[in-house]
């Protein structure tokens, strides 16, 4: 009589994983995705109970958090380990957890899907499953990221204590953003990342934890700008960011003749606060060399700072955001800030 899935895990899979070095909570986690997948244009609701997968993680030194790089699906002993593991399925699992490899095993054999090659392999003997050091080296080689370098420390930081119970896809979004930032830096390119998520998916918490991890890794040398298009969103952002950063997250406004956020690490503002969409505002000339500093009653930003902000606004899905950004660009041109404002 063959083992069911739970018995297969206990008697056949778990002993091999422990022997291969996945013997610590930082290297092996159990993850059960929610029944609704927030991926694709409409999302997806799965039928039946959710399955629990092994999340294989890379751990470097004594870093606060490990980095998920693979998923291992357990099947009962008598089941075909490659059943349902088509390329599309493997790709979807990679995207769900933002991992690079998907494995499947029945305790005797295993198969795999590689996100980089988009190929499925196996079956192979489960006794030959990649040990933790080999999987770590494979991830570093395939991504081109030297995980021992200081700039890779952002990948191994924990969330803010205020928002430590993040959903699995929120963590995946942050890791995907960090990998893109690291690759851009290695290639000498501007580090730009766009994350798009549905309403209610926790975008502000993602941004908060992303900034927190950057700060903890020593990768936030300058104040960060959190830009909103409406006052209510600014207040919501302040509530979440201040819960993590305390007094180091402040709303940009004039207070006692100066910018209340001048000494904060996180500046929370709207287009209006920055003085970019008020056609009637009287603006003194900014002091040469100043960026993101308060001038009278308006906040001034440099051309290098204004362009990516406007580009994000001009390409936003929300028509009100696009309207605000277009008005801001027209005001900048009209007031002579730029002869030609190239936001491409």
C-alpha atoms as a PDB file:
ATOM      1  CA  UNK A   1       0.000   0.000   0.000  1.00  0.00           C
ATOM      2  CA  UNK A   2       1.484   3.327  -1.082  1.00  0.00           C
ATOM      3  CA  UNK A   3       1.703   6.467   1.057  1.00  0.00           C
ATOM      4  CA  UNK A   4      -0.780   9.333   0.716  1.00  0.00           C
ATOM      5  CA  UNK A   5       0.570  12.859   0.264  1.00  0.00           C
ATOM      6  CA  UNK A   6       1.005  13.592   3.976  1.00  0.00           C
ATOM      7  CA  UNK A   7       2.760  10.272   4.573  1.00  0.00           C
ATOM      8  CA  UNK A   8       4.923  10.785   1.497  1.00  0.00           C
ATOM      9  CA  UNK A   9       6.035  14.119   2.910  1.00  0.00           C
ATOM     10  CA  UNK A  10       6.832  12.694   6.339  1.00  0.00           C
ATOM     11  CA  UNK A  11       8.509   9.413   5.412  1.00  0.00           C
ATOM     12  CA  UNK A  12      10.071  10.105   1.999  1.00  0.00           C
ATOM     13  CA  UNK A  13      10.468  13.817   1.271  1.00  0.00           C
ATOM     14  CA  UNK A  14      11.308  15.474   4.591  1.00  0.00           C
ATOM     15  CA  UNK A  15      14.271  13.182   5.444  1.00  0.00           C
ATOM     16  CA  UNK A  16      15.893  13.835   2.056  1.00  0.00           C
ATOM     17  CA  UNK A  17      15.407  17.610   2.347  1.00  0.00           C
ATOM     18  CA  UNK A  18      16.982  17.663   5.809  1.00  0.00           C
ATOM     19  CA  UNK A  19      19.917  15.607   4.520  1.00  0.00           C
ATOM     20  CA  UNK A  20      20.347  18.097   1.637  1.00  0.00           C
ATOM     21  CA  UNK A  21      20.728  21.035   4.013  1.00  0.00           C
ATOM     22  CA  UNK A  22      17.141  22.288   4.124  1.00  0.00           C
ATOM     23  CA  UNK A  23      17.079  21.754   7.861  1.00  0.00           C
ATOM     24  CA  UNK A  24      16.369  25.257   9.080  1.00  0.00           C
ATOM     25  CA  UNK A  25      13.292  27.496   8.996  1.00  0.00           C
ATOM     26  CA  UNK A  26      15.320  30.090   7.100  1.00  0.00           C
ATOM     27  CA  UNK A  27      16.024  27.566   4.343  1.00  0.00           C
ATOM     28  CA  UNK A  28      12.677  25.776   4.115  1.00  0.00           C
ATOM     29  CA  UNK A  29       9.218  27.230   4.652  1.00  0.00           C
ATOM     30  CA  UNK A  30       5.699  25.907   4.147  1.00  0.00           C
ATOM     31  CA  UNK A  31       3.450  28.179   2.092  1.00  0.00           C
ATOM     32  CA  UNK A  32      -0.258  27.891   1.274  1.00  0.00           C
ATOM     33  CA  UNK A  33      -1.367  30.470  -1.302  1.00  0.00           C
ATOM     34  CA  UNK A  34      -4.737  32.150  -0.850  1.00  0.00           C
ATOM     35  CA  UNK A  35      -7.654  30.853  -2.961  1.00  0.00           C
ATOM     36  CA  UNK A  36      -7.622  34.063  -5.023  1.00  0.00           C
ATOM     37  CA  UNK A  37      -4.516  34.688  -7.111  1.00  0.00           C
ATOM     38  CA  UNK A  38      -3.908  38.445  -7.678  1.00  0.00           C
ATOM     39  CA  UNK A  39      -2.132  37.822 -10.987  1.00  0.00           C
ATOM     40  CA  UNK A  40      -3.103  38.553 -14.563  1.00  0.00           C
ATOM     41  CA  UNK A  41      -5.666  41.087 -15.792  1.00  0.00           C
ATOM     42  CA  UNK A  42      -8.566  39.602 -13.817  1.00  0.00           C
ATOM     43  CA  UNK A  43      -6.982  37.385 -11.196  1.00  0.00           C
ATOM     44  CA  UNK A  44      -7.910  33.760 -10.616  1.00  0.00           C
ATOM     45  CA  UNK A  45      -9.947  31.890  -8.006  1.00  0.00           C
ATOM     46  CA  UNK A  46      -8.841  28.312  -7.481  1.00  0.00           C
ATOM     47  CA  UNK A  47     -11.294  25.541  -6.746  1.00  0.00           C
ATOM     48  CA  UNK A  48     -10.946  23.190  -3.823  1.00  0.00           C
ATOM     49  CA  UNK A  49      -8.636  23.484  -0.795  1.00  0.00           C
ATOM     50  CA  UNK A  50      -5.286  25.184  -1.221  1.00  0.00           C
ATOM     51  CA  UNK A  51      -2.215  22.979  -1.300  1.00  0.00           C
ATOM     52  CA  UNK A  52       0.805  23.585   0.882  1.00  0.00           C
ATOM     53  CA  UNK A  53       4.125  23.762  -0.933  1.00  0.00           C
ATOM     54  CA  UNK A  54       7.708  23.768   0.275  1.00  0.00           C
ATOM     55  CA  UNK A  55       9.352  27.143  -0.298  1.00  0.00           C
ATOM     56  CA  UNK A  56      13.103  26.632  -0.820  1.00  0.00           C
ATOM     57  CA  UNK A  57      15.124  29.601   0.379  1.00  0.00           C
ATOM     58  CA  UNK A  58      18.667  30.918   0.123  1.00  0.00           C
ATOM     59  CA  UNK A  59      20.204  32.061   3.402  1.00  0.00           C
ATOM     60  CA  UNK A  60      23.365  34.175   3.466  1.00  0.00           C
ATOM     61  CA  UNK A  61      25.258  34.458   6.733  1.00  0.00           C
ATOM     62  CA  UNK A  62      23.250  35.961   9.577  1.00  0.00           C
ATOM     63  CA  UNK A  63      21.040  38.153   7.402  1.00  0.00           C
ATOM     64  CA  UNK A  64      17.604  38.818   8.983  1.00  0.00           C
ATOM     65  CA  UNK A  65      15.580  37.084   6.271  1.00  0.00           C
ATOM     66  CA  UNK A  66      16.072  34.323   3.731  1.00  0.00           C
ATOM     67  CA  UNK A  67      15.335  34.624   0.004  1.00  0.00           C
ATOM     68  CA  UNK A  68      12.802  32.244  -1.628  1.00  0.00           C
ATOM     69  CA  UNK A  69      14.160  30.916  -4.931  1.00  0.00           C
ATOM     70  CA  UNK A  70      12.218  27.682  -5.542  1.00  0.00           C
ATOM     71  CA  UNK A  71       8.973  25.840  -4.859  1.00  0.00           C
ATOM     72  CA  UNK A  72       8.730  22.100  -4.252  1.00  0.00           C
ATOM     73  CA  UNK A  73       5.325  20.473  -4.739  1.00  0.00           C
ATOM     74  CA  UNK A  74       4.724  17.174  -2.936  1.00  0.00           C
ATOM     75  CA  UNK A  75       2.600  14.438  -4.498  1.00  0.00           C
ATOM     76  CA  UNK A  76       1.505  11.113  -3.088  1.00  0.00           C
ATOM     77  CA  UNK A  77       3.882   8.218  -3.630  1.00  0.00           C
ATOM     78  CA  UNK A  78       1.909   6.544  -6.420  1.00  0.00           C
ATOM     79  CA  UNK A  79       1.261   9.729  -8.416  1.00  0.00           C
ATOM     80  CA  UNK A  80       3.081  10.766 -11.564  1.00  0.00           C
ATOM     81  CA  UNK A  81       5.390  13.522 -10.379  1.00  0.00           C
ATOM     82  CA  UNK A  82       5.142  15.343 -13.737  1.00  0.00           C
ATOM     83  CA  UNK A  83       1.342  15.296 -13.738  1.00  0.00           C
ATOM     84  CA  UNK A  84       0.039  18.818 -14.220  1.00  0.00           C
ATOM     85  CA  UNK A  85       3.558  20.220 -14.422  1.00  0.00           C
ATOM     86  CA  UNK A  86       3.261  21.634 -17.919  1.00  0.00           C
ATOM     87  CA  UNK A  87       5.311  24.637 -18.881  1.00  0.00           C
ATOM     88  CA  UNK A  88       2.406  27.028 -18.295  1.00  0.00           C
ATOM     89  CA  UNK A  89       1.860  25.595 -14.811  1.00  0.00           C
ATOM     90  CA  UNK A  90       5.538  25.872 -13.957  1.00  0.00           C
ATOM     91  CA  UNK A  91       5.706  29.429 -15.244  1.00  0.00           C
ATOM     92  CA  UNK A  92       2.614  30.412 -13.229  1.00  0.00           C
ATOM     93  CA  UNK A  93       4.109  28.978 -10.036  1.00  0.00           C
ATOM     94  CA  UNK A  94       7.335  30.875 -10.655  1.00  0.00           C
ATOM     95  CA  UNK A  95       5.427  34.122 -11.041  1.00  0.00           C
ATOM     96  CA  UNK A  96       3.167  33.488  -8.042  1.00  0.00           C
ATOM     97  CA  UNK A  97       6.010  33.298  -5.543  1.00  0.00           C
ATOM     98  CA  UNK A  98       8.533  35.228  -7.684  1.00  0.00           C
ATOM     99  CA  UNK A  99      10.865  32.237  -7.597  1.00  0.00           C
ATOM    100  CA  UNK A 100      13.096  30.840 -10.310  1.00  0.00           C
ATOM    101  CA  UNK A 101      12.534  27.102 -10.046  1.00  0.00           C
ATOM    102  CA  UNK A 102       9.562  24.791  -9.521  1.00  0.00           C
ATOM    103  CA  UNK A 103      10.158  21.197  -8.429  1.00  0.00           C
ATOM    104  CA  UNK A 104       7.721  18.304  -8.032  1.00  0.00           C
ATOM    105  CA  UNK A 105       8.333  14.974  -6.301  1.00  0.00           C
ATOM    106  CA  UNK A 106       6.592  11.791  -5.183  1.00  0.00           C
ATOM    107  CA  UNK A 107       9.416  10.961  -2.798  1.00  0.00           C
ATOM    108  CA  UNK A 108      11.273   8.713  -5.254  1.00  0.00           C
ATOM    109  CA  UNK A 109      11.675  10.881  -8.366  1.00  0.00           C
ATOM    110  CA  UNK A 110      11.511  14.606  -9.023  1.00  0.00           C
ATOM    111  CA  UNK A 111      11.001  16.910 -11.974  1.00  0.00           C
ATOM    112  CA  UNK A 112      11.655  20.618 -12.381  1.00  0.00           C
ATOM    113  CA  UNK A 113      10.727  23.731 -14.319  1.00  0.00           C
ATOM    114  CA  UNK A 114      13.415  26.380 -14.893  1.00  0.00           C
ATOM    115  CA  UNK A 115      12.119  29.948 -15.258  1.00  0.00           C
ATOM    116  CA  UNK A 116      15.262  31.089 -17.075  1.00  0.00           C
ATOM    117  CA  UNK A 117      15.197  28.438 -19.799  1.00  0.00           C
ATOM    118  CA  UNK A 118      11.402  27.958 -19.726  1.00  0.00           C
ATOM    119  CA  UNK A 119      12.094  24.212 -19.918  1.00  0.00           C
ATOM    120  CA  UNK A 120      10.832  21.246 -17.937  1.00  0.00           C
ATOM    121  CA  UNK A 121      13.228  18.510 -16.874  1.00  0.00           C
ATOM    122  CA  UNK A 122      13.041  15.061 -15.305  1.00  0.00           C
ATOM    123  CA  UNK A 123      12.280  12.658 -13.944  1.00  0.00           C
ATOM    124  CA  UNK A 124      15.433  12.425 -11.827  1.00  0.00           C
ATOM    125  CA  UNK A 125      16.171  10.430  -8.691  1.00  0.00           C
ATOM    126  CA  UNK A 126      15.070  12.389  -5.620  1.00  0.00           C
ATOM    127  CA  UNK A 127      18.278  11.250  -3.945  1.00  0.00           C
ATOM    128  CA  UNK A 128      20.039  13.618  -6.374  1.00  0.00           C
ATOM    129  CA  UNK A 129      17.914  16.664  -5.471  1.00  0.00           C
ATOM    130  CA  UNK A 130      20.057  19.855  -5.389  1.00  0.00           C
ATOM    131  CA  UNK A 131      21.555  20.482  -1.926  1.00  0.00           C
ATOM    132  CA  UNK A 132      21.092  23.942  -0.440  1.00  0.00           C
ATOM    133  CA  UNK A 133      24.609  25.191  -1.390  1.00  0.00           C
ATOM    134  CA  UNK A 134      24.088  24.019  -4.988  1.00  0.00           C
ATOM    135  CA  UNK A 135      20.706  25.742  -5.276  1.00  0.00           C
ATOM    136  CA  UNK A 136      22.240  28.915  -3.836  1.00  0.00           C
ATOM    137  CA  UNK A 137      25.045  28.838  -6.418  1.00  0.00           C
ATOM    138  CA  UNK A 138      22.566  28.083  -9.210  1.00  0.00           C
ATOM    139  CA  UNK A 139      20.430  31.101  -8.310  1.00  0.00           C
ATOM    140  CA  UNK A 140      23.472  33.406  -8.220  1.00  0.00           C
ATOM    141  CA  UNK A 141      24.706  32.113 -11.579  1.00  0.00           C
ATOM    142  CA  UNK A 142      21.333  32.298 -13.339  1.00  0.00           C
ATOM    143  CA  UNK A 143      20.430  35.781 -12.066  1.00  0.00           C
ATOM    144  CA  UNK A 144      23.927  37.208 -12.336  1.00  0.00           C
ATOM    145  CA  UNK A 145      23.550  38.579  -8.790  1.00  0.00           C
ATOM    146  CA  UNK A 146      26.474  38.223  -6.404  1.00  0.00           C
ATOM    147  CA  UNK A 147      24.511  37.684  -3.199  1.00  0.00           C
ATOM    148  CA  UNK A 148      27.597  38.255  -1.062  1.00  0.00           C
ATOM    149  CA  UNK A 149      28.010  41.884  -2.202  1.00  0.00           C
ATOM    150  CA  UNK A 150      26.755  44.695   0.070  1.00  0.00           C
ATOM    151  CA  UNK A 151      24.244  45.967  -2.505  1.00  0.00           C
ATOM    152  CA  UNK A 152      22.513  42.560  -2.454  1.00  0.00           C
ATOM    153  CA  UNK A 153      21.776  42.941   1.269  1.00  0.00           C
ATOM    154  CA  UNK A 154      18.381  44.450   0.415  1.00  0.00           C
ATOM    155  CA  UNK A 155      17.239  40.983  -0.696  1.00  0.00           C
ATOM    156  CA  UNK A 156      17.724  39.605   2.812  1.00  0.00           C
ATOM    157  CA  UNK A 157      16.032  42.222   5.013  1.00  0.00           C
ATOM    158  CA  UNK A 158      12.919  41.645   7.107  1.00  0.00           C
ATOM    159  CA  UNK A 159       9.761  43.731   6.869  1.00  0.00           C
ATOM    160  CA  UNK A 160       8.997  46.588   9.216  1.00  0.00           C
ATOM    161  CA  UNK A 161       7.717  45.387  12.622  1.00  0.00           C
ATOM    162  CA  UNK A 162       4.629  47.521  11.982  1.00  0.00           C
ATOM    163  CA  UNK A 163       3.756  45.560   8.819  1.00  0.00           C
ATOM    164  CA  UNK A 164       5.490  42.228   9.362  1.00  0.00           C
ATOM    165  CA  UNK A 165       2.554  40.012   8.313  1.00  0.00           C
ATOM    166  CA  UNK A 166       2.812  40.738   4.603  1.00  0.00           C
ATOM    167  CA  UNK A 167       1.031  38.559   2.053  1.00  0.00           C
ATOM    168  CA  UNK A 168       3.155  36.245  -0.059  1.00  0.00           C
ATOM    169  CA  UNK A 169       2.619  38.251  -3.254  1.00  0.00           C
ATOM    170  CA  UNK A 170       3.584  41.492  -1.491  1.00  0.00           C
ATOM    171  CA  UNK A 171       6.889  39.937  -0.509  1.00  0.00           C
ATOM    172  CA  UNK A 172       7.267  38.622  -4.067  1.00  0.00           C
ATOM    173  CA  UNK A 173       6.715  42.113  -5.502  1.00  0.00           C
ATOM    174  CA  UNK A 174       9.399  43.618  -3.263  1.00  0.00           C
ATOM    175  CA  UNK A 175      11.918  40.906  -4.145  1.00  0.00           C
ATOM    176  CA  UNK A 176      11.230  41.337  -7.867  1.00  0.00           C
ATOM    177  CA  UNK A 177      11.792  45.082  -7.534  1.00  0.00           C
ATOM    178  CA  UNK A 178      15.068  44.582  -5.661  1.00  0.00           C
ATOM    179  CA  UNK A 179      16.391  42.101  -8.217  1.00  0.00           C
ATOM    180  CA  UNK A 180      15.643  44.622 -10.962  1.00  0.00           C
ATOM    181  CA  UNK A 181      17.390  47.407  -9.024  1.00  0.00           C
ATOM    182  CA  UNK A 182      20.490  45.273  -8.460  1.00  0.00           C
ATOM    183  CA  UNK A 183      20.679  44.228 -12.128  1.00  0.00           C
ATOM    184  CA  UNK A 184      20.282  47.837 -13.288  1.00  0.00           C
ATOM    185  CA  UNK A 185      23.081  48.972 -11.003  1.00  0.00           C
ATOM    186  CA  UNK A 186      25.366  46.192 -12.181  1.00  0.00           C
ATOM    187  CA  UNK A 187      24.692  47.182 -15.801  1.00  0.00           C
ATOM    188  CA  UNK A 188      25.115  50.904 -15.158  1.00  0.00           C
ATOM    189  CA  UNK A 189      21.479  51.661 -15.992  1.00  0.00           C
ATOM    190  CA  UNK A 190      18.962  53.862 -14.122  1.00  0.00           C
ATOM    191  CA  UNK A 191      17.196  51.758 -11.488  1.00  0.00           C
ATOM    192  CA  UNK A 192      13.526  52.137 -12.374  1.00  0.00           C
ATOM    193  CA  UNK A 193      10.758  49.749 -11.351  1.00  0.00           C
ATOM    194  CA  UNK A 194       7.006  49.846 -11.965  1.00  0.00           C
ATOM    195  CA  UNK A 195       4.700  47.726  -9.807  1.00  0.00           C
ATOM    196  CA  UNK A 196       1.017  47.499 -10.770  1.00  0.00           C
ATOM    197  CA  UNK A 197      -1.479  45.897  -8.394  1.00  0.00           C
ATOM    198  CA  UNK A 198      -5.228  45.881  -7.917  1.00  0.00           C
ATOM    199  CA  UNK A 199      -7.145  48.077  -5.500  1.00  0.00           C
ATOM    200  CA  UNK A 200      -7.002  46.611  -2.018  1.00  0.00           C
ATOM    201  CA  UNK A 201      -3.901  44.517  -2.650  1.00  0.00           C
ATOM    202  CA  UNK A 202      -1.791  46.580  -0.255  1.00  0.00           C
ATOM    203  CA  UNK A 203       0.324  48.766  -2.530  1.00  0.00           C
ATOM    204  CA  UNK A 204       1.124  51.250   0.242  1.00  0.00           C
ATOM    205  CA  UNK A 205       2.256  48.469   2.568  1.00  0.00           C
ATOM    206  CA  UNK A 206       4.436  47.133  -0.239  1.00  0.00           C
ATOM    207  CA  UNK A 207       5.975  50.587  -0.671  1.00  0.00           C
ATOM    208  CA  UNK A 208       6.444  50.951   3.085  1.00  0.00           C
ATOM    209  CA  UNK A 209       8.207  47.622   3.489  1.00  0.00           C
ATOM    210  CA  UNK A 210      10.239  48.210   0.335  1.00  0.00           C
ATOM    211  CA  UNK A 211      11.540  51.497   1.751  1.00  0.00           C
ATOM    212  CA  UNK A 212      12.062  49.903   5.156  1.00  0.00           C
ATOM    213  CA  UNK A 213      14.181  47.095   3.734  1.00  0.00           C
ATOM    214  CA  UNK A 214      16.222  49.563   1.674  1.00  0.00           C
ATOM    215  CA  UNK A 215      16.805  51.628   4.803  1.00  0.00           C
ATOM    216  CA  UNK A 216      17.839  48.598   6.860  1.00  0.00           C
ATOM    217  CA  UNK A 217      20.262  47.561   4.128  1.00  0.00           C
ATOM    218  CA  UNK A 218      21.845  51.023   4.089  1.00  0.00           C
ATOM    219  CA  UNK A 219      20.553  51.634   0.564  1.00  0.00           C
ATOM    220  CA  UNK A 220      18.456  54.732   1.270  1.00  0.00           C
ATOM    221  CA  UNK A 221      21.058  57.517   1.449  1.00  0.00           C
ATOM    222  CA  UNK A 222      18.653  60.279   0.371  1.00  0.00           C
ATOM    223  CA  UNK A 223      15.082  61.102   1.416  1.00  0.00           C
ATOM    224  CA  UNK A 224      12.444  59.154  -0.490  1.00  0.00           C
ATOM    225  CA  UNK A 225       9.474  60.892  -2.120  1.00  0.00           C
ATOM    226  CA  UNK A 226       6.069  59.226  -1.811  1.00  0.00           C
ATOM    227  CA  UNK A 227       3.860  61.069  -4.299  1.00  0.00           C
ATOM    228  CA  UNK A 228       0.047  60.870  -4.327  1.00  0.00           C
ATOM    229  CA  UNK A 229      -2.540  62.539  -6.549  1.00  0.00           C
ATOM    230  CA  UNK A 230      -5.186  63.147  -3.847  1.00  0.00           C
ATOM    231  CA  UNK A 231      -5.162  64.395  -0.277  1.00  0.00           C
ATOM    232  CA  UNK A 232      -6.986  61.318   1.049  1.00  0.00           C
ATOM    233  CA  UNK A 233      -4.318  59.028  -0.420  1.00  0.00           C
ATOM    234  CA  UNK A 234      -1.644  61.204   1.121  1.00  0.00           C
ATOM    235  CA  UNK A 235      -3.257  60.774   4.560  1.00  0.00           C
ATOM    236  CA  UNK A 236      -3.545  57.008   4.059  1.00  0.00           C
ATOM    237  CA  UNK A 237       0.096  56.835   3.040  1.00  0.00           C
ATOM    238  CA  UNK A 238       1.133  58.849   6.076  1.00  0.00           C
ATOM    239  CA  UNK A 239      -0.725  56.485   8.422  1.00  0.00           C
ATOM    240  CA  UNK A 240       1.085  53.436   7.058  1.00  0.00           C
ATOM    241  CA  UNK A 241       4.512  54.965   6.548  1.00  0.00           C
ATOM    242  CA  UNK A 242       4.580  56.683   9.950  1.00  0.00           C
ATOM    243  CA  UNK A 243       3.637  53.391  11.618  1.00  0.00           C
ATOM    244  CA  UNK A 244       6.942  52.031  10.311  1.00  0.00           C
ATOM    245  CA  UNK A 245       9.209  55.091  10.253  1.00  0.00           C
ATOM    246  CA  UNK A 246       7.666  57.164  13.048  1.00  0.00           C
ATOM    247  CA  UNK A 247       8.716  60.821  12.852  1.00  0.00           C
ATOM    248  CA  UNK A 248      10.979  60.044   9.904  1.00  0.00           C
ATOM    249  CA  UNK A 249       7.908  59.963   7.646  1.00  0.00           C
ATOM    250  CA  UNK A 250       6.270  63.376   7.285  1.00  0.00           C
ATOM    251  CA  UNK A 251       3.839  65.177   5.032  1.00  0.00           C
ATOM    252  CA  UNK A 252       5.326  67.975   2.926  1.00  0.00           C
ATOM    253  CA  UNK A 253       3.719  71.236   4.076  1.00  0.00           C
ATOM    254  CA  UNK A 254       4.711  74.701   5.226  1.00  0.00           C
ATOM    255  CA  UNK A 255       5.161  74.890   8.964  1.00  0.00           C
ATOM    256  CA  UNK A 256       6.827  77.759  10.859  1.00  0.00           C
ATOM    257  CA  UNK A 257       8.058  79.193   7.589  1.00  0.00           C
ATOM    258  CA  UNK A 258       9.718  75.988   6.404  1.00  0.00           C
ATOM    259  CA  UNK A 259       9.058  72.548   5.020  1.00  0.00           C
ATOM    260  CA  UNK A 260       7.798  70.300   7.830  1.00  0.00           C
ATOM    261  CA  UNK A 261       9.367  67.263   6.147  1.00  0.00           C
ATOM    262  CA  UNK A 262      12.788  68.816   5.598  1.00  0.00           C
ATOM    263  CA  UNK A 263      14.632  66.502   7.985  1.00  0.00           C
ATOM    264  CA  UNK A 264      12.546  63.369   7.428  1.00  0.00           C
ATOM    265  CA  UNK A 265      13.659  60.249   5.583  1.00  0.00           C
ATOM    266  CA  UNK A 266      10.302  59.874   3.796  1.00  0.00           C
ATOM    267  CA  UNK A 267       8.576  62.890   2.204  1.00  0.00           C
ATOM    268  CA  UNK A 268       4.862  62.343   1.512  1.00  0.00           C
ATOM    269  CA  UNK A 269       3.344  64.794  -0.932  1.00  0.00           C
ATOM    270  CA  UNK A 270       0.833  65.461  -3.696  1.00  0.00           C
ATOM    271  CA  UNK A 271       1.356  67.252  -6.997  1.00  0.00           C
ATOM    272  CA  UNK A 272      -0.362  70.247  -5.399  1.00  0.00           C
ATOM    273  CA  UNK A 273       1.967  70.246  -2.391  1.00  0.00           C
ATOM    274  CA  UNK A 274       4.965  70.270  -4.679  1.00  0.00           C
ATOM    275  CA  UNK A 275       3.601  73.349  -6.418  1.00  0.00           C
ATOM    276  CA  UNK A 276       3.396  71.631  -9.788  1.00  0.00           C
ATOM    277  CA  UNK A 277      -0.257  72.144 -10.679  1.00  0.00           C
ATOM    278  CA  UNK A 278      -1.209  75.540  -9.262  1.00  0.00           C
ATOM    279  CA  UNK A 279      -1.206  77.927 -12.247  1.00  0.00           C
ATOM    280  CA  UNK A 280      -1.685  81.008 -10.068  1.00  0.00           C
ATOM    281  CA  UNK A 281       1.043  80.349  -7.551  1.00  0.00           C
ATOM    282  CA  UNK A 282       3.802  82.954  -7.161  1.00  0.00           C
ATOM    283  CA  UNK A 283       7.121  81.162  -6.975  1.00  0.00           C
ATOM    284  CA  UNK A 284      10.435  82.693  -6.015  1.00  0.00           C
ATOM    285  CA  UNK A 285      13.475  81.373  -7.814  1.00  0.00           C
ATOM    286  CA  UNK A 286      14.973  78.334  -6.066  1.00  0.00           C
ATOM    287  CA  UNK A 287      18.450  78.671  -4.619  1.00  0.00           C
ATOM    288  CA  UNK A 288      21.082  77.289  -6.966  1.00  0.00           C
ATOM    289  CA  UNK A 289      21.952  73.701  -6.152  1.00  0.00           C
ATOM    290  CA  UNK A 290      18.909  73.076  -3.987  1.00  0.00           C
ATOM    291  CA  UNK A 291      16.757  70.000  -4.560  1.00  0.00           C
ATOM    292  CA  UNK A 292      13.632  68.971  -2.701  1.00  0.00           C
ATOM    293  CA  UNK A 293      13.826  71.975  -0.350  1.00  0.00           C
ATOM    294  CA  UNK A 294      11.153  74.385   0.749  1.00  0.00           C
ATOM    295  CA  UNK A 295      10.974  77.858  -0.813  1.00  0.00           C
ATOM    296  CA  UNK A 296       8.396  80.018   0.932  1.00  0.00           C
ATOM    297  CA  UNK A 297       5.089  78.213   0.585  1.00  0.00           C
ATOM    298  CA  UNK A 298       6.022  75.770  -2.175  1.00  0.00           C
ATOM    299  CA  UNK A 299       8.202  72.708  -2.469  1.00  0.00           C
ATOM    300  CA  UNK A 300      10.851  72.810  -5.198  1.00  0.00           C
ATOM    301  CA  UNK A 301      12.306  69.777  -6.913  1.00  0.00           C
ATOM    302  CA  UNK A 302      15.087  69.534  -9.463  1.00  0.00           C
ATOM    303  CA  UNK A 303      14.614  68.663 -13.129  1.00  0.00           C
ATOM    304  CA  UNK A 304      16.046  65.201 -12.550  1.00  0.00           C
ATOM    305  CA  UNK A 305      13.488  64.617  -9.806  1.00  0.00           C
ATOM    306  CA  UNK A 306      10.549  66.145 -11.697  1.00  0.00           C
ATOM    307  CA  UNK A 307      10.884  64.112 -14.875  1.00  0.00           C
ATOM    308  CA  UNK A 308      10.396  60.581 -13.482  1.00  0.00           C
ATOM    309  CA  UNK A 309       7.526  61.859 -11.301  1.00  0.00           C
ATOM    310  CA  UNK A 310       5.782  63.404 -14.300  1.00  0.00           C
ATOM    311  CA  UNK A 311       6.440  60.392 -16.488  1.00  0.00           C
ATOM    312  CA  UNK A 312       4.788  58.128 -13.926  1.00  0.00           C
ATOM    313  CA  UNK A 313       1.805  60.475 -13.774  1.00  0.00           C
ATOM    314  CA  UNK A 314       1.454  60.849 -17.547  1.00  0.00           C
ATOM    315  CA  UNK A 315       1.380  57.087 -18.058  1.00  0.00           C
ATOM    316  CA  UNK A 316      -0.874  56.236 -15.097  1.00  0.00           C
ATOM    317  CA  UNK A 317      -4.096  54.312 -15.618  1.00  0.00           C
ATOM    318  CA  UNK A 318      -6.143  56.739 -13.518  1.00  0.00           C
ATOM    319  CA  UNK A 319      -7.344  59.592 -15.815  1.00  0.00           C
ATOM    320  CA  UNK A 320      -7.307  62.056 -12.898  1.00  0.00           C
ATOM    321  CA  UNK A 321      -3.634  61.304 -12.251  1.00  0.00           C
ATOM    322  CA  UNK A 322      -2.837  61.824 -15.946  1.00  0.00           C
ATOM    323  CA  UNK A 323      -4.756  65.106 -15.951  1.00  0.00           C
ATOM    324  CA  UNK A 324      -2.862  66.380 -12.910  1.00  0.00           C
ATOM    325  CA  UNK A 325       0.476  65.394 -14.437  1.00  0.00           C
ATOM    326  CA  UNK A 326      -0.312  67.027 -17.786  1.00  0.00           C
ATOM    327  CA  UNK A 327      -1.328  70.234 -16.024  1.00  0.00           C
ATOM    328  CA  UNK A 328       1.877  70.123 -14.012  1.00  0.00           C
ATOM    329  CA  UNK A 329       3.981  69.767 -17.170  1.00  0.00           C
ATOM    330  CA  UNK A 330       2.177  72.692 -18.815  1.00  0.00           C
ATOM    331  CA  UNK A 331       2.775  74.856 -15.738  1.00  0.00           C
ATOM    332  CA  UNK A 332       6.464  74.027 -15.688  1.00  0.00           C
ATOM    333  CA  UNK A 333       6.830  74.970 -19.350  1.00  0.00           C
ATOM    334  CA  UNK A 334       4.738  78.117 -18.970  1.00  0.00           C
ATOM    335  CA  UNK A 335       6.705  79.323 -15.961  1.00  0.00           C
ATOM    336  CA  UNK A 336       9.994  78.862 -17.782  1.00  0.00           C
ATOM    337  CA  UNK A 337      11.364  76.071 -15.623  1.00  0.00           C
ATOM    338  CA  UNK A 338      12.257  74.120 -18.779  1.00  0.00           C
ATOM    339  CA  UNK A 339      12.601  75.055 -22.440  1.00  0.00           C
ATOM    340  CA  UNK A 340      11.664  71.510 -23.347  1.00  0.00           C
ATOM    341  CA  UNK A 341      10.509  68.947 -20.816  1.00  0.00           C
ATOM    342  CA  UNK A 342      11.523  65.499 -22.041  1.00  0.00           C
ATOM    343  CA  UNK A 343      10.030  62.810 -19.829  1.00  0.00           C
ATOM    344  CA  UNK A 344      10.828  59.840 -22.096  1.00  0.00           C
END
